[in-house]
Amino acid sequence: MSDVASRRHVAFDWGGVFTIGTFDGRSTGRLAARLGLDVQRVRDSYFRHVRQLEVGAWTLPQFWTVMAREIGADPAFGYADFEQLYLGSIQDNPPMYDLLARLPGDVRAGLLSNNYPVVSEHLQSRPAFARFHRPVFSNLIGVKKPDPRSFAALEQAMGVPAGQVAFVDDVQENIDAAEQAGFHGLLYHHEQHGDFERRLGAWLNGTGPVS
């Protein structure tokens, strides 16, 4: 039996795990401030349409065209400005990237993220993302968490049974869906990172429960 087949592994969400807070909340807050608009107005429009990005139905320029019209954005603030602000809204969670780099080499690190065109490409260009084993982005597979098909795609990408993989997310609904799919769920919050590392260590070392 190969080391991979006999080992326990881990897969992660991105937003709220490798970032501090939600990317959506930070980007819409910065956008409202930049344009001098009511933040709730911006968020209402954003969340009305963001699913189109998450499942890859729209490009990021399409999304901005619709959103800019709805919120009454200054025409001088074009798509290039929006993309720069959008990508600049990523607030990394350094302890999680440090943990990723310290995982044993025989542990597969997966990724299942509800993500967006341009953002997912930007993330995959980062050197740290080379540690992920075949990352899965919703905008590339056409479904998003907590859809069971997203977890089926993750299991296929990991190349090992779901029962050998812990799934880390900051949303309980997604943890519940992961556990229903056979994964071992680990809820995460950046303010309890030390406790999370202990729980993950117990899982990877075989002393934690198996789902």
Protein backbone atom coordinates (compact mmCIF):
# COMPACT_ATOMS: atom_id res chain seq x y z
CA MET A 1 0.00 0.00 0.00
CA SER A 2 1.41 3.43 -0.96
CA ASP A 3 2.05 6.12 1.64
CA VAL A 4 -0.69 8.27 0.08
CA ALA A 5 -3.25 5.46 0.20
CA SER A 6 -2.56 4.70 3.86
CA ARG A 7 -2.24 8.32 5.03
CA ARG A 8 -4.78 10.84 6.30
CA HIS A 9 -5.03 14.09 4.34
CA VAL A 10 -6.63 17.53 4.56
CA ALA A 11 -8.52 19.87 2.24
CA PHE A 12 -9.35 23.50 2.87
CA ASP A 13 -11.77 26.22 1.99
CA TRP A 14 -10.10 29.50 1.00
CA GLY A 15 -12.20 32.54 2.05
CA GLY A 16 -12.39 32.84 5.84
CA VAL A 17 -9.66 30.20 6.22
CA PHE A 18 -6.69 31.51 4.24
CA THR A 19 -8.14 35.01 4.58
CA ILE A 20 -9.13 36.98 7.66
CA GLY A 21 -12.83 37.64 7.39
CA THR A 22 -14.79 37.19 4.20
CA PHE A 23 -13.49 38.39 0.87
CA ASP A 24 -17.00 39.48 -0.15
CA GLY A 25 -17.48 41.68 2.89
CA ARG A 26 -14.09 43.33 2.55
CA SER A 27 -14.35 43.94 -1.20
CA THR A 28 -17.86 45.43 -1.05
CA GLY A 29 -16.90 47.63 1.90
CA ARG A 30 -13.85 48.97 0.07
CA LEU A 31 -15.83 49.48 -3.12
CA ALA A 32 -18.55 51.48 -1.35
CA ALA A 33 -15.93 53.65 0.35
CA ARG A 34 -14.02 54.21 -2.89
CA LEU A 35 -17.17 55.28 -4.79
CA GLY A 36 -18.81 57.16 -1.91
CA LEU A 37 -21.88 54.92 -2.01
CA ASP A 38 -24.05 53.34 0.67
CA VAL A 39 -22.45 50.02 1.56
CA GLN A 40 -25.78 48.22 1.84
CA ARG A 41 -26.73 49.31 -1.65
CA VAL A 42 -23.45 47.93 -2.96
CA ARG A 43 -23.81 44.68 -1.06
CA ASP A 44 -27.40 44.16 -2.17
CA SER A 45 -26.32 44.33 -5.80
CA TYR A 46 -23.19 42.27 -5.24
CA PHE A 47 -24.91 39.38 -3.48
CA ARG A 48 -27.81 39.44 -5.94
CA HIS A 49 -25.42 38.46 -8.74
CA VAL A 50 -22.30 36.93 -7.22
CA ARG A 51 -23.55 33.38 -7.73
CA GLN A 52 -23.12 33.96 -11.46
CA LEU A 53 -19.41 34.39 -10.78
CA GLU A 54 -19.22 31.47 -8.37
CA VAL A 55 -20.55 28.97 -10.90
CA GLY A 56 -18.62 30.46 -13.81
CA ALA A 57 -21.71 31.69 -15.66
CA TRP A 58 -20.37 35.26 -15.92
CA THR A 59 -16.94 36.73 -16.45
CA LEU A 60 -15.73 39.36 -14.00
CA PRO A 61 -16.21 42.16 -16.60
CA GLN A 62 -19.82 41.04 -17.13
CA PHE A 63 -20.41 41.09 -13.39
CA TRP A 64 -19.00 44.59 -13.06
CA THR A 65 -21.06 45.91 -15.99
CA VAL A 66 -24.29 44.79 -14.32
CA MET A 67 -23.28 45.84 -10.83
CA ALA A 68 -21.94 49.26 -11.88
CA ARG A 69 -25.26 50.06 -13.57
CA GLU A 70 -27.30 48.98 -10.54
CA ILE A 71 -25.33 50.88 -7.93
CA GLY A 72 -24.85 54.01 -10.07
CA ALA A 73 -21.06 53.82 -10.10
CA ASP A 74 -19.09 56.76 -11.47
CA PRO A 75 -18.42 55.92 -15.17
CA ALA A 76 -14.82 57.04 -14.65
CA PHE A 77 -14.36 54.01 -12.37
CA GLY A 78 -14.02 51.33 -15.02
CA TYR A 79 -13.49 47.58 -15.02
CA ALA A 80 -9.70 47.85 -14.65
CA ASP A 81 -10.21 49.92 -11.48
CA PHE A 82 -12.71 47.38 -10.17
CA GLU A 83 -10.42 44.42 -10.84
CA GLN A 84 -7.51 46.12 -9.07
CA LEU A 85 -9.70 46.92 -6.04
CA TYR A 86 -11.22 43.42 -6.07
CA LEU A 87 -7.89 41.60 -6.06
CA GLY A 88 -6.52 44.09 -3.55
CA SER A 89 -9.28 43.10 -1.12
CA ILE A 90 -7.61 39.79 -0.25
CA GLN A 91 -6.45 39.92 3.38
CA ASP A 92 -4.24 36.90 3.96
CA ASN A 93 -4.26 34.84 7.16
CA PRO A 94 -0.49 34.24 7.64
CA PRO A 95 -0.75 31.47 10.28
CA MET A 96 -2.71 29.30 7.86
CA TYR A 97 -0.17 29.75 5.06
CA ASP A 98 2.55 28.88 7.58
CA LEU A 99 0.66 25.73 8.51
CA LEU A 100 0.25 24.80 4.84
CA ALA A 101 4.00 25.04 4.32
CA ARG A 102 4.66 22.87 7.41
CA LEU A 103 2.39 19.98 6.47
CA PRO A 104 4.31 16.71 6.04
CA GLY A 105 5.24 16.03 2.44
CA ASP A 106 3.20 12.82 2.31
CA VAL A 107 0.02 14.66 3.31
CA ARG A 108 -2.08 15.83 0.39
CA ALA A 109 -3.44 19.36 0.85
CA GLY A 110 -6.60 19.91 -1.17
CA LEU A 111 -8.67 23.01 -1.78
CA LEU A 112 -12.40 23.43 -2.42
CA SER A 113 -13.37 27.08 -2.76
CA ASN A 114 -16.47 28.94 -3.89
CA ASN A 115 -14.50 31.34 -6.04
CA TYR A 116 -14.57 33.68 -9.00
CA PRO A 117 -13.00 34.17 -12.43
CA VAL A 118 -9.81 36.26 -12.27
CA VAL A 119 -9.55 35.75 -8.49
CA SER A 120 -9.02 32.00 -8.84
CA GLU A 121 -6.42 32.58 -11.56
CA HIS A 122 -4.67 35.15 -9.37
CA LEU A 123 -4.55 32.73 -6.44
CA GLN A 124 -3.16 29.87 -8.52
CA SER A 125 -0.31 32.12 -9.68
CA ARG A 126 0.90 32.47 -6.08
CA PRO A 127 3.89 30.26 -5.18
CA ALA A 128 2.18 29.07 -1.98
CA PHE A 129 -0.63 27.54 -4.01
CA ALA A 130 1.76 25.03 -5.54
CA ARG A 131 1.35 23.07 -2.28
CA PHE A 132 -2.30 22.34 -3.06
CA HIS A 133 -3.09 19.03 -4.76
CA ARG A 134 -5.37 19.74 -7.73
CA PRO A 135 -7.36 22.65 -6.22
CA VAL A 136 -11.08 22.77 -7.02
CA PHE A 137 -12.77 26.12 -7.70
CA SER A 138 -16.54 26.43 -8.05
CA ASN A 139 -16.28 28.76 -11.04
CA LEU A 140 -14.41 26.03 -12.93
CA ILE A 141 -16.72 23.10 -12.08
CA GLY A 142 -20.07 24.93 -12.30
CA VAL A 143 -21.34 24.12 -8.79
CA LYS A 144 -20.64 25.59 -5.37
CA LYS A 145 -20.63 24.40 -1.78
CA PRO A 146 -22.67 23.02 -0.13
CA ASP A 147 -23.83 21.19 -3.28
CA PRO A 148 -22.88 17.49 -2.90
CA ARG A 149 -21.39 17.58 -6.40
CA SER A 150 -18.72 19.99 -5.22
CA PHE A 151 -17.59 17.50 -2.58
CA ALA A 152 -17.66 14.69 -5.13
CA ALA A 153 -15.33 16.80 -7.28
CA LEU A 154 -13.04 17.32 -4.27
CA GLU A 155 -12.89 13.60 -3.51
CA GLN A 156 -12.01 12.88 -7.12
CA ALA A 157 -9.31 15.57 -7.11
CA MET A 158 -7.80 14.26 -3.86
CA GLY A 159 -7.51 10.75 -5.29
CA VAL A 160 -8.26 9.09 -1.94
CA PRO A 161 -11.56 8.19 -0.23
CA ALA A 162 -13.36 11.06 1.51
CA GLY A 163 -13.06 9.22 4.83
CA GLN A 164 -9.30 9.78 4.76
CA VAL A 165 -9.65 13.55 4.33
CA ALA A 166 -10.43 16.28 6.85
CA PHE A 167 -12.24 19.26 5.33
CA VAL A 168 -11.65 22.70 6.85
CA ASP A 169 -14.20 25.50 6.43
CA ASP A 170 -15.40 28.55 8.37
CA VAL A 171 -19.10 27.91 7.59
CA GLN A 172 -21.01 25.25 9.53
CA GLU A 173 -23.34 24.55 6.59
CA ASN A 174 -20.34 23.54 4.49
CA ILE A 175 -18.91 21.40 7.30
CA ASP A 176 -22.25 19.61 7.56
CA ALA A 177 -22.30 18.98 3.80
CA ALA A 178 -18.71 17.72 3.88
CA GLU A 179 -19.52 15.27 6.66
CA GLN A 180 -22.57 14.04 4.75
CA ALA A 181 -20.19 13.37 1.85
CA GLY A 182 -17.95 11.29 4.11
CA PHE A 183 -15.25 13.82 4.99
CA HIS A 184 -14.11 14.61 8.54
CA GLY A 185 -15.22 18.21 9.18
CA LEU A 186 -13.11 20.79 11.01
CA LEU A 187 -14.74 24.17 11.62
CA TYR A 188 -12.23 27.04 11.54
CA HIS A 189 -11.98 30.55 12.94
CA HIS A 190 -8.76 32.55 12.73
CA GLU A 191 -9.08 33.67 16.36
CA GLN A 192 -8.84 30.02 17.50
CA HIS A 193 -6.01 29.04 15.17
CA GLY A 194 -3.93 27.31 17.85
CA ASP A 195 -6.83 25.08 18.85
CA PHE A 196 -7.44 24.27 15.18
CA GLU A 197 -3.81 23.20 14.70
CA ARG A 198 -4.17 20.81 17.63
CA ARG A 199 -7.35 19.30 16.21
CA LEU A 200 -5.86 18.94 12.76
CA GLY A 201 -2.69 17.41 14.20
CA ALA A 202 -4.75 14.84 16.08
CA TRP A 203 -6.57 13.95 12.88
CA LEU A 204 -3.44 13.64 10.75
CA ASN A 205 -1.65 11.59 13.42
CA GLY A 206 -4.54 9.15 13.66
CA THR A 207 -5.56 10.05 17.22
CA GLY A 208 -8.65 12.01 16.21
CA PRO A 209 -12.00 10.53 15.16
CA VAL A 210 -12.47 9.07 11.69
CA SER A 211 -15.63 10.08 9.84
